[in-house]
């Protein structure tokens, strides 16, 4: 097996409704995503996949759905309603409290779905919430 990793970045806010401290408040991060792709064989150029293709496919999904948004749990209905009333398309709604761990798992699934037809498998995704704090998701977390 061969692998390669591409780094992508985005800015977003979130809050953890169930958090016992400050993270229950809306706050923002400069998220960094390291997405690792794997293939059984290299292409004719000697790549698992061109880095620019990862950026074009998965990176554009991130730009469209997450960059400069607020990521909220679907149970946070009043805040979702408020954000939607004052901004243009600012909310990305998930079915969980958007912790780094849950978001990493969520993004791993999305990356796999988006890159599947390109004959690569996303085996690992690391999501940095801060420069010194991150969560990892790998294939085992998909089952």
N, C-alpha and C. Protein backbone atom coordinates (compact mmCIF):
# COMPACT_ATOMS: atom_id res chain seq x y z
N UNK A 1 0.84 -1.18 0.00
CA UNK A 1 0.00 0.00 0.00
C UNK A 1 0.89 1.25 0.00
N UNK A 2 0.36 2.28 -0.64
CA UNK A 2 1.03 3.57 -0.69
C UNK A 2 0.10 4.60 -0.07
N UNK A 3 0.67 5.65 0.51
CA UNK A 3 -0.17 6.69 1.09
C UNK A 3 0.43 8.07 0.87
N UNK A 4 -0.42 9.07 0.94
CA UNK A 4 0.00 10.47 0.90
C UNK A 4 -0.96 11.26 1.78
N UNK A 5 -0.50 12.40 2.25
CA UNK A 5 -1.31 13.24 3.12
C UNK A 5 -1.34 14.66 2.60
N UNK A 6 -2.53 15.25 2.61
CA UNK A 6 -2.72 16.63 2.18
C UNK A 6 -3.29 17.42 3.35
N UNK A 7 -2.78 18.62 3.58
CA UNK A 7 -3.27 19.50 4.63
C UNK A 7 -4.23 20.53 4.02
N UNK A 8 -5.36 20.72 4.70
CA UNK A 8 -6.35 21.72 4.32
C UNK A 8 -6.68 22.54 5.57
N UNK A 9 -7.11 23.78 5.40
CA UNK A 9 -7.40 24.64 6.54
C UNK A 9 -8.71 25.39 6.32
N UNK A 10 -9.39 25.69 7.42
CA UNK A 10 -10.60 26.50 7.36
C UNK A 10 -10.85 27.17 8.70
N UNK A 11 -11.62 28.23 8.67
CA UNK A 11 -11.99 28.96 9.88
C UNK A 11 -13.48 28.73 10.14
N UNK A 12 -13.79 28.43 11.39
CA UNK A 12 -15.19 28.22 11.76
C UNK A 12 -15.36 28.43 13.26
N UNK A 13 -16.60 28.66 13.64
CA UNK A 13 -16.97 28.76 15.05
C UNK A 13 -17.80 27.53 15.39
N UNK A 14 -17.88 27.26 16.67
CA UNK A 14 -18.76 26.20 17.15
C UNK A 14 -19.04 26.44 18.63
N UNK A 15 -19.88 25.61 19.17
CA UNK A 15 -20.04 25.56 20.62
C UNK A 15 -20.47 24.16 20.98
N UNK A 16 -20.10 23.74 22.17
CA UNK A 16 -20.45 22.42 22.66
C UNK A 16 -21.52 22.58 23.73
N UNK A 17 -22.74 22.31 23.35
CA UNK A 17 -23.90 22.53 24.22
C UNK A 17 -23.71 21.84 25.57
N UNK A 18 -23.20 20.63 25.56
CA UNK A 18 -23.08 19.84 26.78
C UNK A 18 -21.79 20.11 27.56
N UNK A 19 -20.96 21.02 27.08
CA UNK A 19 -19.67 21.28 27.76
C UNK A 19 -19.90 21.93 29.12
N UNK A 20 -19.07 21.56 30.07
CA UNK A 20 -19.21 22.07 31.43
C UNK A 20 -18.47 23.39 31.68
N UNK A 21 -17.78 23.88 30.67
CA UNK A 21 -16.99 25.10 30.85
C UNK A 21 -17.18 26.09 29.72
N UNK A 22 -16.10 26.82 29.41
CA UNK A 22 -16.13 27.89 28.42
C UNK A 22 -16.56 27.45 27.02
N UNK A 23 -16.31 26.22 26.67
CA UNK A 23 -16.62 25.77 25.30
C UNK A 23 -18.13 25.64 25.05
N UNK A 24 -18.94 25.88 26.07
CA UNK A 24 -20.38 25.97 25.86
C UNK A 24 -20.74 27.30 25.21
N UNK A 25 -19.79 28.24 25.21
CA UNK A 25 -19.98 29.52 24.54
C UNK A 25 -19.53 29.41 23.08
N UNK A 26 -20.09 30.22 22.21
CA UNK A 26 -19.67 30.25 20.82
C UNK A 26 -18.23 30.78 20.78
N UNK A 27 -17.38 30.07 20.06
CA UNK A 27 -15.98 30.47 19.90
C UNK A 27 -15.46 29.92 18.59
N UNK A 28 -14.36 30.50 18.11
CA UNK A 28 -13.86 30.12 16.80
C UNK A 28 -12.49 29.47 16.84
N UNK A 29 -12.17 28.80 15.73
CA UNK A 29 -10.89 28.13 15.57
C UNK A 29 -10.40 28.29 14.14
N UNK A 30 -9.11 28.19 13.97
CA UNK A 30 -8.48 27.99 12.66
C UNK A 30 -8.22 26.49 12.60
N UNK A 31 -9.14 25.75 12.01
CA UNK A 31 -9.02 24.30 11.92
C UNK A 31 -8.00 23.92 10.84
N UNK A 32 -7.28 22.86 11.10
CA UNK A 32 -6.35 22.28 10.13
C UNK A 32 -6.72 20.81 10.00
N UNK A 33 -6.84 20.34 8.76
CA UNK A 33 -7.21 18.96 8.48
C UNK A 33 -6.07 18.30 7.71
N UNK A 34 -5.53 17.22 8.25
CA UNK A 34 -4.58 16.38 7.52
C UNK A 34 -5.33 15.14 7.08
N UNK A 35 -5.49 14.97 5.77
CA UNK A 35 -6.24 13.84 5.23
C UNK A 35 -5.27 12.90 4.52
N UNK A 36 -5.24 11.65 4.97
CA UNK A 36 -4.31 10.66 4.43
C UNK A 36 -5.06 9.69 3.52
N UNK A 37 -4.58 9.59 2.28
CA UNK A 37 -5.18 8.72 1.27
C UNK A 37 -4.26 7.55 1.00
N UNK A 38 -4.86 6.43 0.67
CA UNK A 38 -4.11 5.21 0.41
C UNK A 38 -4.60 4.55 -0.88
N UNK A 39 -3.67 3.94 -1.59
CA UNK A 39 -4.01 3.17 -2.80
C UNK A 39 -3.10 1.95 -2.86
N UNK A 40 -3.58 0.92 -3.54
CA UNK A 40 -2.79 -0.31 -3.70
C UNK A 40 -1.62 -0.11 -4.65
N UNK A 41 -1.81 0.80 -5.60
CA UNK A 41 -0.76 1.04 -6.60
C UNK A 41 -0.68 2.53 -6.90
N UNK A 42 0.47 2.93 -7.38
CA UNK A 42 0.65 4.33 -7.78
C UNK A 42 0.18 4.52 -9.21
N UNK A 43 -0.20 5.75 -9.55
CA UNK A 43 -0.60 6.04 -10.92
C UNK A 43 0.63 6.10 -11.82
N UNK A 44 0.43 6.41 -13.08
CA UNK A 44 1.55 6.40 -14.04
C UNK A 44 2.60 7.48 -13.75
N UNK A 45 2.22 8.46 -12.95
CA UNK A 45 3.17 9.52 -12.57
C UNK A 45 3.91 9.15 -11.28
N UNK A 46 3.41 8.13 -10.56
CA UNK A 46 4.02 7.71 -9.31
C UNK A 46 3.35 8.28 -8.08
N UNK A 47 2.05 8.57 -8.17
CA UNK A 47 1.30 9.18 -7.06
C UNK A 47 0.15 8.28 -6.62
N UNK A 48 -0.23 8.43 -5.36
CA UNK A 48 -1.48 7.84 -4.88
C UNK A 48 -2.62 8.61 -5.52
N UNK A 49 -2.55 9.92 -5.41
CA UNK A 49 -3.50 10.85 -6.00
C UNK A 49 -2.78 12.21 -6.01
N UNK A 50 -3.04 13.00 -7.00
CA UNK A 50 -2.42 14.32 -7.05
C UNK A 50 -2.95 15.15 -5.87
N UNK A 51 -2.04 15.81 -5.15
CA UNK A 51 -2.43 16.63 -4.01
C UNK A 51 -3.48 17.66 -4.40
N UNK A 52 -3.38 18.21 -5.61
CA UNK A 52 -4.33 19.23 -6.03
C UNK A 52 -5.73 18.65 -6.21
N UNK A 53 -5.84 17.38 -6.51
CA UNK A 53 -7.16 16.74 -6.64
C UNK A 53 -7.82 16.62 -5.27
N UNK A 54 -7.03 16.27 -4.25
CA UNK A 54 -7.58 16.22 -2.89
C UNK A 54 -8.11 17.61 -2.52
N UNK A 55 -7.31 18.63 -2.80
CA UNK A 55 -7.73 20.00 -2.49
C UNK A 55 -8.98 20.38 -3.29
N UNK A 56 -8.99 20.03 -4.57
CA UNK A 56 -10.14 20.38 -5.43
C UNK A 56 -11.42 19.69 -4.97
N UNK A 57 -11.33 18.42 -4.64
CA UNK A 57 -12.53 17.64 -4.31
C UNK A 57 -12.94 17.84 -2.85
N UNK A 58 -12.08 17.47 -1.93
CA UNK A 58 -12.42 17.56 -0.50
C UNK A 58 -12.29 19.00 -0.01
N UNK A 59 -11.26 19.70 -0.45
CA UNK A 59 -11.06 21.08 -0.04
C UNK A 59 -12.20 21.99 -0.47
N UNK A 60 -12.75 21.77 -1.67
CA UNK A 60 -13.87 22.62 -2.09
C UNK A 60 -15.12 22.29 -1.29
N UNK A 61 -15.28 21.04 -0.88
CA UNK A 61 -16.41 20.69 0.00
C UNK A 61 -16.27 21.45 1.32
N UNK A 62 -15.07 21.45 1.88
CA UNK A 62 -14.81 22.18 3.13
C UNK A 62 -15.09 23.67 2.94
N UNK A 63 -14.59 24.24 1.84
CA UNK A 63 -14.82 25.67 1.58
C UNK A 63 -16.31 25.99 1.50
N UNK A 64 -17.07 25.14 0.84
CA UNK A 64 -18.50 25.37 0.65
C UNK A 64 -19.30 25.19 1.94
N UNK A 65 -18.97 24.16 2.71
CA UNK A 65 -19.82 23.79 3.84
C UNK A 65 -19.32 24.25 5.21
N UNK A 66 -18.02 24.44 5.38
CA UNK A 66 -17.50 24.72 6.72
C UNK A 66 -16.78 26.05 6.88
N UNK A 67 -16.10 26.53 5.83
CA UNK A 67 -15.28 27.71 6.00
C UNK A 67 -16.14 28.94 6.32
N UNK A 68 -15.78 29.62 7.39
CA UNK A 68 -16.49 30.82 7.87
C UNK A 68 -17.96 30.54 8.18
N UNK A 69 -18.19 29.39 8.79
CA UNK A 69 -19.53 29.05 9.27
C UNK A 69 -19.49 28.90 10.78
N UNK A 70 -20.65 28.60 11.33
CA UNK A 70 -20.74 28.16 12.71
C UNK A 70 -21.28 26.75 12.67
N UNK A 71 -20.59 25.84 13.32
CA UNK A 71 -20.96 24.42 13.32
C UNK A 71 -21.74 24.17 14.60
N UNK A 72 -23.00 23.76 14.44
CA UNK A 72 -23.88 23.63 15.60
C UNK A 72 -24.59 22.28 15.64
N UNK A 73 -24.82 21.82 16.84
CA UNK A 73 -25.63 20.63 17.10
C UNK A 73 -27.08 20.95 16.71
N UNK A 74 -27.73 20.01 16.07
CA UNK A 74 -29.12 20.23 15.63
C UNK A 74 -30.06 20.55 16.79
N UNK A 75 -29.67 20.18 18.01
CA UNK A 75 -30.51 20.49 19.18
C UNK A 75 -30.41 21.95 19.61
N UNK A 76 -29.44 22.68 19.03
CA UNK A 76 -29.22 24.08 19.40
C UNK A 76 -30.12 24.98 18.54
N UNK A 77 -31.44 24.72 18.60
CA UNK A 77 -32.39 25.31 17.66
C UNK A 77 -32.49 26.83 17.72
N UNK A 78 -32.45 27.40 18.91
CA UNK A 78 -32.57 28.87 19.02
C UNK A 78 -31.37 29.57 18.41
N UNK A 79 -30.17 29.04 18.64
CA UNK A 79 -28.98 29.66 18.06
C UNK A 79 -28.94 29.47 16.54
N UNK A 80 -29.35 28.30 16.07
CA UNK A 80 -29.43 28.07 14.62
C UNK A 80 -30.39 29.08 13.99
N UNK A 81 -31.54 29.24 14.59
CA UNK A 81 -32.54 30.20 14.08
C UNK A 81 -31.99 31.62 14.09
N UNK A 82 -31.34 32.02 15.17
CA UNK A 82 -30.77 33.36 15.26
C UNK A 82 -29.70 33.58 14.19
N UNK A 83 -28.78 32.63 14.05
CA UNK A 83 -27.70 32.76 13.05
C UNK A 83 -28.28 32.84 11.64
N UNK A 84 -29.24 32.02 11.35
CA UNK A 84 -29.84 32.03 10.01
C UNK A 84 -30.61 33.32 9.74
N UNK A 85 -31.08 33.98 10.79
CA UNK A 85 -31.84 35.22 10.58
C UNK A 85 -30.95 36.43 10.32
N UNK A 86 -29.71 36.39 10.77
CA UNK A 86 -28.84 37.57 10.64
C UNK A 86 -27.71 37.41 9.64
N UNK A 87 -27.48 36.21 9.17
CA UNK A 87 -26.36 35.96 8.25
C UNK A 87 -26.83 35.20 7.02
N UNK A 88 -25.98 35.21 6.02
CA UNK A 88 -26.26 34.48 4.79
C UNK A 88 -25.55 33.12 4.86
N UNK A 89 -26.32 32.07 5.05
CA UNK A 89 -25.82 30.70 5.03
C UNK A 89 -24.67 30.43 6.00
N UNK A 90 -24.80 30.81 7.28
CA UNK A 90 -23.65 30.68 8.17
C UNK A 90 -23.57 29.39 8.97
N UNK A 91 -24.59 28.54 8.91
CA UNK A 91 -24.66 27.43 9.86
C UNK A 91 -24.49 26.09 9.15
N UNK A 92 -23.62 25.25 9.74
CA UNK A 92 -23.49 23.86 9.32
C UNK A 92 -24.01 23.04 10.49
N UNK A 93 -25.11 22.35 10.30
CA UNK A 93 -25.78 21.64 11.38
C UNK A 93 -25.38 20.17 11.36
N UNK A 94 -25.02 19.67 12.54
CA UNK A 94 -24.65 18.25 12.70
C UNK A 94 -25.54 17.64 13.77
N UNK A 95 -25.55 16.33 13.84
CA UNK A 95 -26.41 15.62 14.79
C UNK A 95 -25.70 15.30 16.10
N UNK A 96 -24.62 16.02 16.39
CA UNK A 96 -23.80 15.76 17.57
C UNK A 96 -23.20 17.07 18.03
N UNK A 97 -22.72 17.09 19.27
CA UNK A 97 -21.95 18.25 19.71
C UNK A 97 -20.66 18.27 18.91
N UNK A 98 -20.34 19.37 18.24
CA UNK A 98 -19.22 19.39 17.30
C UNK A 98 -17.84 19.48 17.98
N UNK A 99 -17.52 18.45 18.74
CA UNK A 99 -16.18 18.34 19.32
C UNK A 99 -15.19 17.98 18.21
N UNK A 100 -13.92 18.17 18.47
CA UNK A 100 -12.90 17.80 17.48
C UNK A 100 -12.99 16.32 17.14
N UNK A 101 -13.27 15.48 18.14
CA UNK A 101 -13.34 14.04 17.90
C UNK A 101 -14.49 13.68 16.96
N UNK A 102 -15.67 14.20 17.25
CA UNK A 102 -16.81 13.92 16.38
C UNK A 102 -16.63 14.53 14.99
N UNK A 103 -16.09 15.75 14.93
CA UNK A 103 -15.88 16.37 13.62
C UNK A 103 -14.85 15.60 12.80
N UNK A 104 -13.80 15.11 13.42
CA UNK A 104 -12.79 14.32 12.69
C UNK A 104 -13.44 13.08 12.08
N UNK A 105 -14.24 12.39 12.85
CA UNK A 105 -14.93 11.20 12.36
C UNK A 105 -15.89 11.56 11.22
N UNK A 106 -16.64 12.63 11.38
CA UNK A 106 -17.58 13.11 10.37
C UNK A 106 -16.84 13.44 9.07
N UNK A 107 -15.73 14.16 9.17
CA UNK A 107 -14.97 14.55 7.99
C UNK A 107 -14.31 13.36 7.31
N UNK A 108 -13.89 12.37 8.08
CA UNK A 108 -13.33 11.15 7.50
C UNK A 108 -14.37 10.47 6.61
N UNK A 109 -15.59 10.35 7.08
CA UNK A 109 -16.66 9.74 6.29
C UNK A 109 -16.90 10.53 5.00
N UNK A 110 -16.96 11.85 5.12
CA UNK A 110 -17.22 12.68 3.94
C UNK A 110 -16.08 12.57 2.94
N UNK A 111 -14.84 12.65 3.42
CA UNK A 111 -13.68 12.54 2.53
C UNK A 111 -13.69 11.20 1.80
N UNK A 112 -14.00 10.13 2.50
CA UNK A 112 -14.06 8.81 1.86
C UNK A 112 -15.13 8.77 0.78
N UNK A 113 -16.29 9.32 1.09
CA UNK A 113 -17.37 9.35 0.09
C UNK A 113 -16.97 10.15 -1.15
N UNK A 114 -16.34 11.30 -0.93
CA UNK A 114 -15.98 12.17 -2.04
C UNK A 114 -14.85 11.61 -2.90
N UNK A 115 -13.92 10.90 -2.30
CA UNK A 115 -12.74 10.43 -3.03
C UNK A 115 -12.84 8.97 -3.49
N UNK A 116 -13.91 8.30 -3.12
CA UNK A 116 -14.09 6.89 -3.45
C UNK A 116 -13.97 6.60 -4.95
N UNK A 117 -14.62 7.40 -5.77
CA UNK A 117 -14.60 7.17 -7.22
C UNK A 117 -13.23 7.42 -7.85
N UNK A 118 -12.31 8.00 -7.09
CA UNK A 118 -10.96 8.26 -7.59
C UNK A 118 -10.00 7.14 -7.21
N UNK A 119 -10.56 6.04 -6.69
CA UNK A 119 -9.81 4.82 -6.38
C UNK A 119 -8.78 5.00 -5.27
N UNK A 120 -9.11 5.88 -4.32
CA UNK A 120 -8.30 6.01 -3.12
C UNK A 120 -9.22 5.83 -1.92
N UNK A 121 -8.61 5.42 -0.85
CA UNK A 121 -9.33 5.27 0.40
C UNK A 121 -8.70 6.23 1.41
N UNK A 122 -9.53 6.97 2.10
CA UNK A 122 -9.02 7.85 3.15
C UNK A 122 -8.90 6.99 4.40
N UNK A 123 -7.66 6.78 4.82
CA UNK A 123 -7.41 5.87 5.94
C UNK A 123 -7.27 6.59 7.27
N UNK A 124 -6.98 7.87 7.22
CA UNK A 124 -6.74 8.61 8.46
C UNK A 124 -7.06 10.08 8.24
N UNK A 125 -7.62 10.70 9.26
CA UNK A 125 -7.86 12.13 9.21
C UNK A 125 -7.52 12.70 10.58
N UNK A 126 -6.69 13.71 10.58
CA UNK A 126 -6.35 14.43 11.82
C UNK A 126 -6.92 15.83 11.72
N UNK A 127 -7.68 16.23 12.74
CA UNK A 127 -8.28 17.56 12.78
C UNK A 127 -7.67 18.32 13.95
N UNK A 128 -6.92 19.37 13.61
CA UNK A 128 -6.37 20.26 14.64
C UNK A 128 -7.40 21.32 14.95
N UNK A 129 -7.77 21.42 16.22
CA UNK A 129 -8.65 22.49 16.65
C UNK A 129 -7.81 23.69 17.08
N UNK A 130 -6.65 23.41 17.62
CA UNK A 130 -5.65 24.42 17.97
C UNK A 130 -4.30 23.85 17.54
N UNK A 131 -3.25 24.66 17.53
CA UNK A 131 -1.94 24.13 17.15
C UNK A 131 -1.45 23.00 18.06
N UNK A 132 -1.93 22.96 19.30
CA UNK A 132 -1.47 21.92 20.22
C UNK A 132 -2.58 20.99 20.70
N UNK A 133 -3.70 20.97 19.97
CA UNK A 133 -4.80 20.07 20.31
C UNK A 133 -5.48 19.54 19.06
N UNK A 134 -5.60 18.20 18.95
CA UNK A 134 -6.17 17.60 17.75
C UNK A 134 -6.88 16.30 18.09
N UNK A 135 -7.65 15.82 17.13
CA UNK A 135 -8.32 14.53 17.23
C UNK A 135 -8.04 13.75 15.97
N UNK A 136 -7.93 12.44 16.11
CA UNK A 136 -7.66 11.54 15.00
C UNK A 136 -8.85 10.63 14.76
N UNK A 137 -9.11 10.36 13.49
CA UNK A 137 -10.11 9.37 13.09
C UNK A 137 -9.46 8.50 12.02
N UNK A 138 -9.69 7.21 12.09
CA UNK A 138 -9.17 6.32 11.06
C UNK A 138 -10.24 5.31 10.64
N UNK A 139 -9.89 4.44 9.76
CA UNK A 139 -10.85 3.49 9.20
C UNK A 139 -11.61 2.72 10.27
N UNK A 140 -10.95 2.42 11.37
CA UNK A 140 -11.63 1.66 12.44
C UNK A 140 -12.84 2.42 12.97
N UNK A 141 -12.80 3.76 12.94
CA UNK A 141 -13.90 4.53 13.49
C UNK A 141 -15.11 4.57 12.56
N UNK A 142 -14.96 4.07 11.33
CA UNK A 142 -16.08 4.07 10.41
C UNK A 142 -17.00 2.87 10.60
N UNK A 143 -16.59 1.92 11.40
CA UNK A 143 -17.39 0.69 11.56
C UNK A 143 -17.92 0.53 12.97
